[in-house]
């Protein structure tokens, strides 16, 4: 392994740890910034042509972070869907009558929130 390859692997390893920490803390802004730097390091690593066994640990960390990112995105989508459903429920309510026929009841709730002591 050359010194340049070793430096790239070390930088990438440190960046993957930072990315993992950002994923665990939910810091999406940091993840966006890290992605650009990670892409550049991976491209530099590809140009350095390291031995395949030198990449095993990095490959596992990249895969772990990708799995965490996918789970984060899944959670964000679930929250967005839930919030959309809650907004829909505020505007209308769907019920079924004794015959199983669907009925939509429009609601006219005020936009301002009521405060109670």
N, C-alpha and C. Protein backbone atom coordinates (compact mmCIF):
# COMPACT_ATOMS: atom_id res chain seq x y z
N UNK A 1 0.86 -1.17 0.00
CA UNK A 1 0.00 0.00 0.00
C UNK A 1 0.91 1.24 0.00
N UNK A 2 0.62 2.16 -0.89
CA UNK A 2 1.41 3.39 -0.96
C UNK A 2 0.96 4.35 0.13
N UNK A 3 1.81 5.33 0.40
CA UNK A 3 1.46 6.34 1.40
C UNK A 3 0.22 7.12 0.99
N UNK A 4 0.10 7.43 -0.32
CA UNK A 4 -1.07 8.17 -0.81
C UNK A 4 -2.35 7.36 -0.61
N UNK A 5 -2.29 6.07 -0.92
CA UNK A 5 -3.45 5.20 -0.72
C UNK A 5 -3.79 5.11 0.75
N UNK A 6 -2.78 4.97 1.58
CA UNK A 6 -2.99 4.89 3.03
C UNK A 6 -3.64 6.17 3.55
N UNK A 7 -3.20 7.33 3.06
CA UNK A 7 -3.78 8.61 3.47
C UNK A 7 -5.25 8.71 3.06
N UNK A 8 -5.54 8.28 1.84
CA UNK A 8 -6.93 8.33 1.36
C UNK A 8 -7.80 7.40 2.20
N UNK A 9 -7.31 6.19 2.46
CA UNK A 9 -8.08 5.24 3.28
C UNK A 9 -8.30 5.79 4.69
N UNK A 10 -7.29 6.42 5.25
CA UNK A 10 -7.41 6.99 6.59
C UNK A 10 -8.42 8.13 6.60
N UNK A 11 -8.34 9.01 5.59
CA UNK A 11 -9.29 10.13 5.49
C UNK A 11 -10.72 9.62 5.30
N UNK A 12 -10.86 8.61 4.45
CA UNK A 12 -12.19 8.06 4.19
C UNK A 12 -12.74 7.38 5.43
N UNK A 13 -11.89 6.67 6.16
CA UNK A 13 -12.32 6.01 7.39
C UNK A 13 -12.83 7.05 8.40
N UNK A 14 -12.08 8.12 8.57
CA UNK A 14 -12.48 9.19 9.50
C UNK A 14 -13.79 9.84 9.04
N UNK A 15 -13.93 10.05 7.74
CA UNK A 15 -15.15 10.66 7.21
C UNK A 15 -16.35 9.75 7.40
N UNK A 16 -16.16 8.45 7.22
CA UNK A 16 -17.26 7.51 7.43
C UNK A 16 -17.69 7.47 8.90
N UNK A 17 -16.76 7.63 9.82
CA UNK A 17 -17.12 7.73 11.23
C UNK A 17 -17.92 9.00 11.48
N UNK A 18 -17.49 10.10 10.88
CA UNK A 18 -18.22 11.37 11.03
C UNK A 18 -19.62 11.24 10.45
N UNK A 19 -19.73 10.57 9.30
CA UNK A 19 -21.03 10.37 8.67
C UNK A 19 -21.93 9.52 9.56
N UNK A 20 -21.37 8.48 10.16
CA UNK A 20 -22.15 7.62 11.06
C UNK A 20 -22.66 8.42 12.24
N UNK A 21 -21.79 9.25 12.82
CA UNK A 21 -22.20 10.09 13.95
C UNK A 21 -23.32 11.05 13.54
N UNK A 22 -23.21 11.61 12.33
CA UNK A 22 -24.25 12.53 11.84
C UNK A 22 -25.56 11.79 11.63
N UNK A 23 -25.48 10.56 11.12
CA UNK A 23 -26.69 9.76 10.92
C UNK A 23 -27.35 9.44 12.27
N UNK A 24 -26.54 9.07 13.24
CA UNK A 24 -27.08 8.73 14.55
C UNK A 24 -27.71 9.92 15.25
N UNK A 25 -27.16 11.12 15.00
CA UNK A 25 -27.70 12.31 15.65
C UNK A 25 -28.79 12.98 14.82
N UNK A 26 -29.02 12.51 13.59
CA UNK A 26 -30.05 13.09 12.73
C UNK A 26 -29.64 14.41 12.10
N UNK A 27 -28.36 14.66 11.99
CA UNK A 27 -27.85 15.91 11.41
C UNK A 27 -27.81 15.79 9.89
N UNK A 28 -28.94 16.05 9.24
CA UNK A 28 -29.06 15.89 7.80
C UNK A 28 -28.22 16.90 7.02
N UNK A 29 -28.02 18.09 7.57
CA UNK A 29 -27.19 19.09 6.90
C UNK A 29 -25.75 18.59 6.78
N UNK A 30 -25.24 18.00 7.85
CA UNK A 30 -23.87 17.48 7.84
C UNK A 30 -23.75 16.33 6.84
N UNK A 31 -24.77 15.51 6.75
CA UNK A 31 -24.73 14.37 5.83
C UNK A 31 -24.62 14.85 4.39
N UNK A 32 -25.32 15.91 4.05
CA UNK A 32 -25.24 16.46 2.69
C UNK A 32 -23.83 16.95 2.38
N UNK A 33 -23.21 17.63 3.33
CA UNK A 33 -21.84 18.11 3.12
C UNK A 33 -20.85 16.96 3.03
N UNK A 34 -21.04 15.96 3.85
CA UNK A 34 -20.15 14.81 3.89
C UNK A 34 -20.20 14.03 2.58
N UNK A 35 -21.36 13.95 1.97
CA UNK A 35 -21.54 13.18 0.75
C UNK A 35 -20.61 13.67 -0.36
N UNK A 36 -20.47 14.97 -0.51
CA UNK A 36 -19.59 15.51 -1.55
C UNK A 36 -18.14 15.12 -1.28
N UNK A 37 -17.70 15.26 -0.05
CA UNK A 37 -16.33 14.91 0.30
C UNK A 37 -16.09 13.41 0.17
N UNK A 38 -17.08 12.63 0.56
CA UNK A 38 -16.96 11.17 0.46
C UNK A 38 -16.83 10.74 -1.00
N UNK A 39 -17.60 11.36 -1.87
CA UNK A 39 -17.54 11.04 -3.29
C UNK A 39 -16.14 11.33 -3.84
N UNK A 40 -15.58 12.47 -3.47
CA UNK A 40 -14.25 12.83 -3.94
C UNK A 40 -13.20 11.84 -3.44
N UNK A 41 -13.30 11.44 -2.18
CA UNK A 41 -12.33 10.48 -1.63
C UNK A 41 -12.46 9.11 -2.29
N UNK A 42 -13.67 8.69 -2.57
CA UNK A 42 -13.88 7.39 -3.21
C UNK A 42 -13.32 7.42 -4.64
N UNK A 43 -13.51 8.53 -5.34
CA UNK A 43 -12.95 8.66 -6.68
C UNK A 43 -11.42 8.64 -6.63
N UNK A 44 -10.83 9.33 -5.65
CA UNK A 44 -9.37 9.33 -5.49
C UNK A 44 -8.87 7.94 -5.15
N UNK A 45 -9.63 7.22 -4.34
CA UNK A 45 -9.25 5.86 -3.98
C UNK A 45 -9.29 4.94 -5.20
N UNK A 46 -10.30 5.14 -6.05
CA UNK A 46 -10.39 4.35 -7.28
C UNK A 46 -9.20 4.60 -8.19
N UNK A 47 -8.75 5.84 -8.27
CA UNK A 47 -7.59 6.19 -9.10
C UNK A 47 -6.30 5.61 -8.52
N UNK A 48 -6.25 5.44 -7.19
CA UNK A 48 -5.05 4.92 -6.54
C UNK A 48 -4.91 3.41 -6.72
N UNK A 49 -5.96 2.75 -7.13
CA UNK A 49 -6.00 1.31 -7.38
C UNK A 49 -5.45 0.48 -6.22
N UNK A 50 -6.11 0.54 -5.06
CA UNK A 50 -5.65 -0.26 -3.91
C UNK A 50 -5.96 -1.74 -4.13
N UNK A 51 -5.32 -2.56 -3.34
CA UNK A 51 -5.59 -4.00 -3.38
C UNK A 51 -6.98 -4.25 -2.81
N UNK A 52 -7.72 -5.23 -3.34
CA UNK A 52 -9.09 -5.49 -2.87
C UNK A 52 -9.19 -5.73 -1.36
N UNK A 53 -8.22 -6.43 -0.78
CA UNK A 53 -8.31 -6.72 0.66
C UNK A 53 -8.12 -5.46 1.50
N UNK A 54 -7.50 -4.43 0.93
CA UNK A 54 -7.34 -3.17 1.65
C UNK A 54 -8.67 -2.43 1.80
N UNK A 55 -9.63 -2.80 0.99
CA UNK A 55 -10.92 -2.11 0.97
C UNK A 55 -12.00 -2.79 1.80
N UNK A 56 -11.73 -3.96 2.33
CA UNK A 56 -12.76 -4.72 3.03
C UNK A 56 -13.39 -3.93 4.19
N UNK A 57 -12.56 -3.34 5.03
CA UNK A 57 -13.07 -2.61 6.19
C UNK A 57 -13.85 -1.37 5.75
N UNK A 58 -13.32 -0.64 4.77
CA UNK A 58 -14.00 0.56 4.25
C UNK A 58 -15.32 0.17 3.61
N UNK A 59 -15.32 -0.91 2.85
CA UNK A 59 -16.53 -1.37 2.17
C UNK A 59 -17.63 -1.69 3.19
N UNK A 60 -17.24 -2.33 4.29
CA UNK A 60 -18.22 -2.67 5.34
C UNK A 60 -18.78 -1.41 5.98
N UNK A 61 -17.94 -0.41 6.22
CA UNK A 61 -18.41 0.84 6.82
C UNK A 61 -19.31 1.62 5.87
N UNK A 62 -18.96 1.63 4.60
CA UNK A 62 -19.81 2.29 3.60
C UNK A 62 -21.17 1.62 3.56
N UNK A 63 -21.19 0.30 3.55
CA UNK A 63 -22.45 -0.46 3.50
C UNK A 63 -23.29 -0.17 4.76
N UNK A 64 -22.63 -0.16 5.93
CA UNK A 64 -23.33 0.13 7.18
C UNK A 64 -23.98 1.52 7.13
N UNK A 65 -23.22 2.52 6.67
CA UNK A 65 -23.75 3.89 6.59
C UNK A 65 -24.87 3.98 5.57
N UNK A 66 -24.75 3.26 4.45
CA UNK A 66 -25.82 3.28 3.46
C UNK A 66 -27.10 2.68 4.03
N UNK A 67 -26.96 1.61 4.80
CA UNK A 67 -28.13 1.00 5.43
C UNK A 67 -28.78 1.97 6.42
N UNK A 68 -27.94 2.66 7.19
CA UNK A 68 -28.46 3.64 8.15
C UNK A 68 -29.16 4.79 7.43
N UNK A 69 -28.57 5.25 6.33
CA UNK A 69 -29.18 6.33 5.56
C UNK A 69 -30.51 5.90 4.96
N UNK A 70 -30.56 4.67 4.45
CA UNK A 70 -31.82 4.15 3.90
C UNK A 70 -32.90 4.08 4.98
N UNK A 71 -32.51 3.66 6.17
CA UNK A 71 -33.48 3.60 7.29
C UNK A 71 -33.94 5.00 7.68
N UNK A 72 -33.01 5.95 7.67
CA UNK A 72 -33.38 7.34 7.99
C UNK A 72 -34.37 7.88 6.98
N UNK A 73 -34.11 7.62 5.71
CA UNK A 73 -35.02 8.10 4.66
C UNK A 73 -36.38 7.43 4.78
N UNK A 74 -36.39 6.16 5.13
CA UNK A 74 -37.66 5.45 5.32
C UNK A 74 -38.45 6.09 6.46
N UNK A 75 -37.76 6.44 7.54
CA UNK A 75 -38.41 7.10 8.67
C UNK A 75 -38.94 8.47 8.31
N UNK A 76 -38.17 9.22 7.54
CA UNK A 76 -38.60 10.55 7.12
C UNK A 76 -39.84 10.44 6.24
N UNK A 77 -39.84 9.47 5.34
CA UNK A 77 -41.02 9.28 4.48
C UNK A 77 -42.25 8.89 5.31
N UNK A 78 -42.05 8.06 6.32
CA UNK A 78 -43.17 7.64 7.17
C UNK A 78 -43.73 8.85 7.92
N UNK A 79 -42.86 9.70 8.42
CA UNK A 79 -43.32 10.91 9.12
C UNK A 79 -44.08 11.82 8.16
N UNK A 80 -43.55 12.00 6.95
CA UNK A 80 -44.22 12.86 5.97
C UNK A 80 -45.60 12.32 5.61
N UNK A 81 -45.70 11.00 5.45
CA UNK A 81 -47.00 10.39 5.15
C UNK A 81 -47.97 10.58 6.31
N UNK A 82 -47.47 10.41 7.52
CA UNK A 82 -48.32 10.56 8.71
C UNK A 82 -48.81 12.00 8.84
N UNK A 83 -47.92 12.96 8.61
CA UNK A 83 -48.31 14.37 8.69
C UNK A 83 -49.33 14.70 7.61
N UNK A 84 -49.16 14.13 6.43
CA UNK A 84 -50.12 14.34 5.35
C UNK A 84 -51.49 13.78 5.74
N UNK A 85 -51.48 12.61 6.34
CA UNK A 85 -52.73 11.99 6.79
C UNK A 85 -53.40 12.84 7.87
N UNK A 86 -52.61 13.38 8.79
CA UNK A 86 -53.18 14.23 9.84
C UNK A 86 -53.79 15.50 9.25
N UNK A 87 -53.13 16.08 8.24
CA UNK A 87 -53.70 17.27 7.59
C UNK A 87 -55.02 16.92 6.89
N UNK A 88 -55.06 15.75 6.28
CA UNK A 88 -56.28 15.32 5.59
C UNK A 88 -57.40 15.11 6.60
N UNK A 89 -57.08 14.51 7.75
CA UNK A 89 -58.09 14.25 8.77
C UNK A 89 -58.66 15.55 9.32
N UNK A 90 -57.84 16.59 9.40
CA UNK A 90 -58.34 17.89 9.87
C UNK A 90 -59.38 18.47 8.91
N UNK A 91 -59.27 18.15 7.63
CA UNK A 91 -60.18 18.71 6.63
C UNK A 91 -61.44 17.87 6.44
N UNK A 92 -61.29 16.55 6.61
CA UNK A 92 -62.44 15.68 6.43
C UNK A 92 -62.27 14.39 7.22
N UNK A 93 -63.40 13.78 7.51
CA UNK A 93 -63.39 12.52 8.24
C UNK A 93 -64.21 11.52 7.44
N UNK A 94 -63.67 10.33 7.28
CA UNK A 94 -64.36 9.29 6.54
C UNK A 94 -64.99 8.31 7.52
N UNK A 95 -66.28 8.04 7.32
CA UNK A 95 -66.98 7.08 8.17
C UNK A 95 -67.75 6.12 7.26
N UNK A 96 -68.30 5.10 7.86
CA UNK A 96 -69.11 4.14 7.12
C UNK A 96 -70.45 3.99 7.83
N UNK A 97 -71.53 3.93 7.04
CA UNK A 97 -72.85 3.79 7.65
C UNK A 97 -73.16 2.31 7.92
N UNK A 98 -74.35 2.04 8.39
CA UNK A 98 -74.74 0.68 8.76
C UNK A 98 -74.71 -0.27 7.56
N UNK A 99 -74.86 0.28 6.34
CA UNK A 99 -74.85 -0.54 5.13
C UNK A 99 -73.45 -0.69 4.55
N UNK A 100 -72.45 -0.12 5.21
CA UNK A 100 -71.08 -0.22 4.73
C UNK A 100 -70.73 0.82 3.68
N UNK A 101 -71.61 1.80 3.49
CA UNK A 101 -71.34 2.85 2.51
C UNK A 101 -70.43 3.90 3.11
N UNK A 102 -69.46 4.29 2.35
CA UNK A 102 -68.49 5.29 2.80
C UNK A 102 -69.11 6.68 2.75
N UNK A 103 -68.88 7.46 3.81
CA UNK A 103 -69.37 8.83 3.88
C UNK A 103 -68.21 9.73 4.30
N UNK A 104 -68.04 10.82 3.58
CA UNK A 104 -67.00 11.79 3.91
C UNK A 104 -67.65 13.00 4.54
N UNK A 105 -67.20 13.32 5.74
CA UNK A 105 -67.74 14.46 6.46
C UNK A 105 -66.68 15.55 6.45
N UNK A 106 -67.02 16.69 5.85
CA UNK A 106 -66.09 17.81 5.82
C UNK A 106 -66.08 18.49 7.17
N UNK A 107 -64.89 18.84 7.64
CA UNK A 107 -64.78 19.54 8.92
C UNK A 107 -64.45 21.00 8.66
N UNK A 108 -64.86 21.84 9.57
CA UNK A 108 -64.61 23.27 9.44
C UNK A 108 -63.90 23.78 10.68
N UNK A 109 -62.77 23.16 10.98
CA UNK A 109 -62.01 23.58 12.15
C UNK A 109 -61.28 24.87 11.85
N UNK A 110 -61.18 25.68 12.83
CA UNK A 110 -60.45 26.93 12.70
C UNK A 110 -58.97 26.64 12.61
N UNK A 111 -58.22 27.50 11.95
CA UNK A 111 -56.79 27.34 11.78
C UNK A 111 -56.01 27.67 13.04
N UNK A 112 -56.61 28.45 13.94
CA UNK A 112 -55.85 28.82 15.13
C UNK A 112 -56.06 27.79 16.23
N UNK A 113 -55.05 27.67 17.06
CA UNK A 113 -55.07 26.68 18.11
C UNK A 113 -55.67 27.26 19.39
N UNK A 114 -56.45 26.47 20.06
CA UNK A 114 -57.06 26.91 21.32
C UNK A 114 -56.10 26.59 22.45
N UNK A 115 -55.94 27.54 23.34
CA UNK A 115 -55.08 27.35 24.51
C UNK A 115 -55.93 27.14 25.74
N UNK A 116 -55.56 26.14 26.50
CA UNK A 116 -56.26 25.88 27.75
C UNK A 116 -55.27 25.86 28.88
N UNK A 117 -55.70 26.39 29.99
CA UNK A 117 -54.80 26.43 31.16
C UNK A 117 -54.88 25.16 31.93
